[in-house]
C-alpha atoms as a PDB file:
ATOM      1  CA  MET A   1      -0.055   0.026   0.100  1.00  0.00           C
ATOM      2  CA  ASN A   2       1.186   3.484  -0.682  1.00  0.00           C
ATOM      3  CA  LYS A   3       0.165   6.958   0.415  1.00  0.00           C
ATOM      4  CA  ASP A   4      -0.714   8.144  -2.908  1.00  0.00           C
ATOM      5  CA  PRO A   5      -4.154   9.057  -3.544  1.00  0.00           C
ATOM      6  CA  LEU A   6      -6.125   7.511  -6.493  1.00  0.00           C
ATOM      7  CA  PHE A   7      -6.900  10.470  -8.544  1.00  0.00           C
ATOM      8  CA  LEU A   8     -10.026  10.354 -10.821  1.00  0.00           C
ATOM      9  CA  LYS A   9     -11.149  12.815 -13.542  1.00  0.00           C
ATOM     10  CA  LEU A  10     -14.680  12.508 -14.946  1.00  0.00           C
ATOM     11  CA  THR A  11     -14.911  15.847 -16.543  1.00  0.00           C
ATOM     12  CA  GLN A  12     -12.893  19.014 -16.049  1.00  0.00           C
ATOM     13  CA  GLN A  13     -15.161  20.156 -13.206  1.00  0.00           C
ATOM     14  CA  PHE A  14     -15.495  16.700 -11.518  1.00  0.00           C
ATOM     15  CA  LYS A  15     -12.163  15.525  -9.990  1.00  0.00           C
ATOM     16  CA  ILE A  16     -11.759  13.488  -6.973  1.00  0.00           C
ATOM     17  CA  ASN A  17      -9.010  11.880  -4.883  1.00  0.00           C
ATOM     18  CA  ILE A  18      -9.522   8.888  -2.874  1.00  0.00           C
ATOM     19  CA  ASP A  19      -7.308   8.739   0.020  1.00  0.00           C
ATOM     20  CA  LEU A  20      -5.258   5.557  -0.494  1.00  0.00           C
ATOM     21  CA  LYS A  21      -4.683   2.953  -3.368  1.00  0.00           C
ATOM     22  CA  ALA A  22      -2.955  -0.272  -3.350  1.00  0.00           C
ATOM     23  CA  GLU A  23      -2.285  -3.234  -5.570  1.00  0.00           C
ATOM     24  CA  LYS A  24      -1.508  -6.682  -4.597  1.00  0.00           C
ATOM     25  CA  PHE A  25      -0.383  -9.460  -6.970  1.00  0.00           C
ATOM     26  CA  ILE A  26      -2.288 -12.704  -6.204  1.00  0.00           C
ATOM     27  CA  VAL A  27      -0.151 -15.618  -7.436  1.00  0.00           C
ATOM     28  CA  ALA A  28      -3.143 -18.286  -7.349  1.00  0.00           C
ATOM     29  CA  GLU A  29      -5.332 -15.999  -9.615  1.00  0.00           C
ATOM     30  CA  LYS A  30      -2.217 -14.598 -11.578  1.00  0.00           C
ATOM     31  CA  SER A  31      -3.799 -11.163 -11.349  1.00  0.00           C
ATOM     32  CA  THR A  32      -3.547  -7.744  -9.562  1.00  0.00           C
ATOM     33  CA  ARG A  33      -6.067  -6.839  -6.984  1.00  0.00           C
ATOM     34  CA  LYS A  34      -6.488  -3.328  -6.721  1.00  0.00           C
ATOM     35  CA  ILE A  35      -8.143  -1.381  -3.728  1.00  0.00           C
ATOM     36  CA  ALA A  36      -9.093   2.075  -2.956  1.00  0.00           C
ATOM     37  CA  VAL A  37      -9.600   3.330   0.673  1.00  0.00           C
ATOM     38  CA  GLU A  38     -11.528   6.412   1.633  1.00  0.00           C
ATOM     39  CA  ILE A  39     -10.530   7.374   5.191  1.00  0.00           C
ATOM     40  CA  LYS A  40     -13.105   9.128   7.493  1.00  0.00           C
ATOM     41  CA  SER A  41     -12.298  10.197  11.078  1.00  0.00           C
ATOM     42  CA  PHE A  42     -15.806  11.285  12.308  1.00  0.00           C
ATOM     43  CA  VAL A  43     -14.670  14.142  14.160  1.00  0.00           C
ATOM     44  CA  GLY A  44     -17.780  16.352  13.566  1.00  0.00           C
ATOM     45  CA  ARG A  45     -20.428  17.309  15.992  1.00  0.00           C
ATOM     46  CA  SER A  46     -22.943  14.751  14.800  1.00  0.00           C
ATOM     47  CA  ALA A  47     -22.171  11.141  13.875  1.00  0.00           C
ATOM     48  CA  VAL A  48     -25.124  11.036  11.803  1.00  0.00           C
ATOM     49  CA  SER A  49     -24.187  14.070   9.678  1.00  0.00           C
ATOM     50  CA  GLU A  50     -20.656  12.571   9.275  1.00  0.00           C
ATOM     51  CA  PHE A  51     -22.295   9.240   8.285  1.00  0.00           C
ATOM     52  CA  HIS A  52     -24.487  11.024   5.603  1.00  0.00           C
ATOM     53  CA  LEU A  53     -21.284  12.774   4.320  1.00  0.00           C
ATOM     54  CA  ALA A  54     -19.340   9.704   4.285  1.00  0.00           C
ATOM     55  CA  VAL A  55     -22.089   7.520   2.474  1.00  0.00           C
ATOM     56  CA  GLY A  56     -22.565  10.367   0.096  1.00  0.00           C
ATOM     57  CA  GLN A  57     -18.882  10.589  -0.909  1.00  0.00           C
ATOM     58  CA  PHE A  58     -18.492   6.852  -0.971  1.00  0.00           C
ATOM     59  CA  LEU A  59     -21.482   6.510  -3.371  1.00  0.00           C
ATOM     60  CA  ASN A  60     -20.120   9.436  -5.623  1.00  0.00           C
ATOM     61  CA  TYR A  61     -16.675   7.588  -5.619  1.00  0.00           C
ATOM     62  CA  ARG A  62     -18.088   4.182  -6.510  1.00  0.00           C
ATOM     63  CA  LEU A  63     -19.939   5.635  -9.330  1.00  0.00           C
ATOM     64  CA  ALA A  64     -16.967   7.396 -10.740  1.00  0.00           C
ATOM     65  CA  LEU A  65     -14.961   4.124 -10.564  1.00  0.00           C
ATOM     66  CA  GLU A  66     -17.870   2.430 -12.496  1.00  0.00           C
ATOM     67  CA  GLU A  67     -18.134   5.222 -14.934  1.00  0.00           C
ATOM     68  CA  LEU A  68     -14.339   5.171 -15.778  1.00  0.00           C
ATOM     69  CA  THR A  69     -14.523   1.170 -15.806  1.00  0.00           C
ATOM     70  CA  LEU A  70     -11.642   0.991 -13.380  1.00  0.00           C
ATOM     71  CA  GLU A  71     -11.372  -2.291 -11.629  1.00  0.00           C
ATOM     72  CA  TRP A  72     -10.715  -0.874  -8.045  1.00  0.00           C
ATOM     73  CA  VAL A  73     -12.604  -2.226  -5.150  1.00  0.00           C
ATOM     74  CA  LEU A  74     -13.621   0.800  -2.841  1.00  0.00           C
ATOM     75  CA  TYR A  75     -13.640   0.594   0.857  1.00  0.00           C
ATOM     76  CA  LEU A  76     -14.557   3.012   3.676  1.00  0.00           C
ATOM     77  CA  ALA A  77     -12.033   3.161   6.589  1.00  0.00           C
ATOM     78  CA  ILE A  78     -13.222   4.356  10.006  1.00  0.00           C
ATOM     79  CA  PRO A  79     -12.284   4.338  13.484  1.00  0.00           C
ATOM     80  CA  ILE A  80     -13.072   1.133  15.532  1.00  0.00           C
ATOM     81  CA  ASP A  81     -14.887   3.280  18.181  1.00  0.00           C
ATOM     82  CA  ILE A  82     -17.190   4.707  15.533  1.00  0.00           C
ATOM     83  CA  TYR A  83     -17.790   1.322  14.044  1.00  0.00           C
ATOM     84  CA  GLN A  84     -18.651  -0.236  17.448  1.00  0.00           C
ATOM     85  CA  ASP A  85     -20.689   2.618  18.833  1.00  0.00           C
ATOM     86  CA  PHE A  86     -22.335   3.909  15.599  1.00  0.00           C
ATOM     87  CA  PHE A  87     -22.079   1.695  12.556  1.00  0.00           C
ATOM     88  CA  ARG A  88     -23.574  -1.236  14.310  1.00  0.00           C
ATOM     89  CA  THR A  89     -26.888   0.816  15.044  1.00  0.00           C
ATOM     90  CA  TYR A  90     -30.022   0.296  13.393  1.00  0.00           C
ATOM     91  CA  LEU A  91     -29.594   3.123  11.052  1.00  0.00           C
ATOM     92  CA  CYS A  92     -26.330   2.004   9.708  1.00  0.00           C
ATOM     93  CA  LYS A  93     -27.424  -1.648   9.304  1.00  0.00           C
ATOM     94  CA  LEU A  94     -30.045  -0.519   6.868  1.00  0.00           C
ATOM     95  CA  TRP A  95     -27.368   0.996   4.574  1.00  0.00           C
END
């Protein structure tokens, strides 16, 4: 994994940077697996607002990857306490 962002450009106005990218060569499949990771800290006042922002951003990034027909698998990285205290709630399970 490296610290370089994955830069995507759909149009002149629509450019995004996904926080991390990584490639791993898988010998059994003789292929390269590519992942992109968007990192969210959830430091805002409201976990619900932070969740809405993270989901919206994640969906936009996923659509951009599909539109550009890139074979990157997108992940959302969050702090473990946010996962345990918030992402396991009813609201998040619906997503």
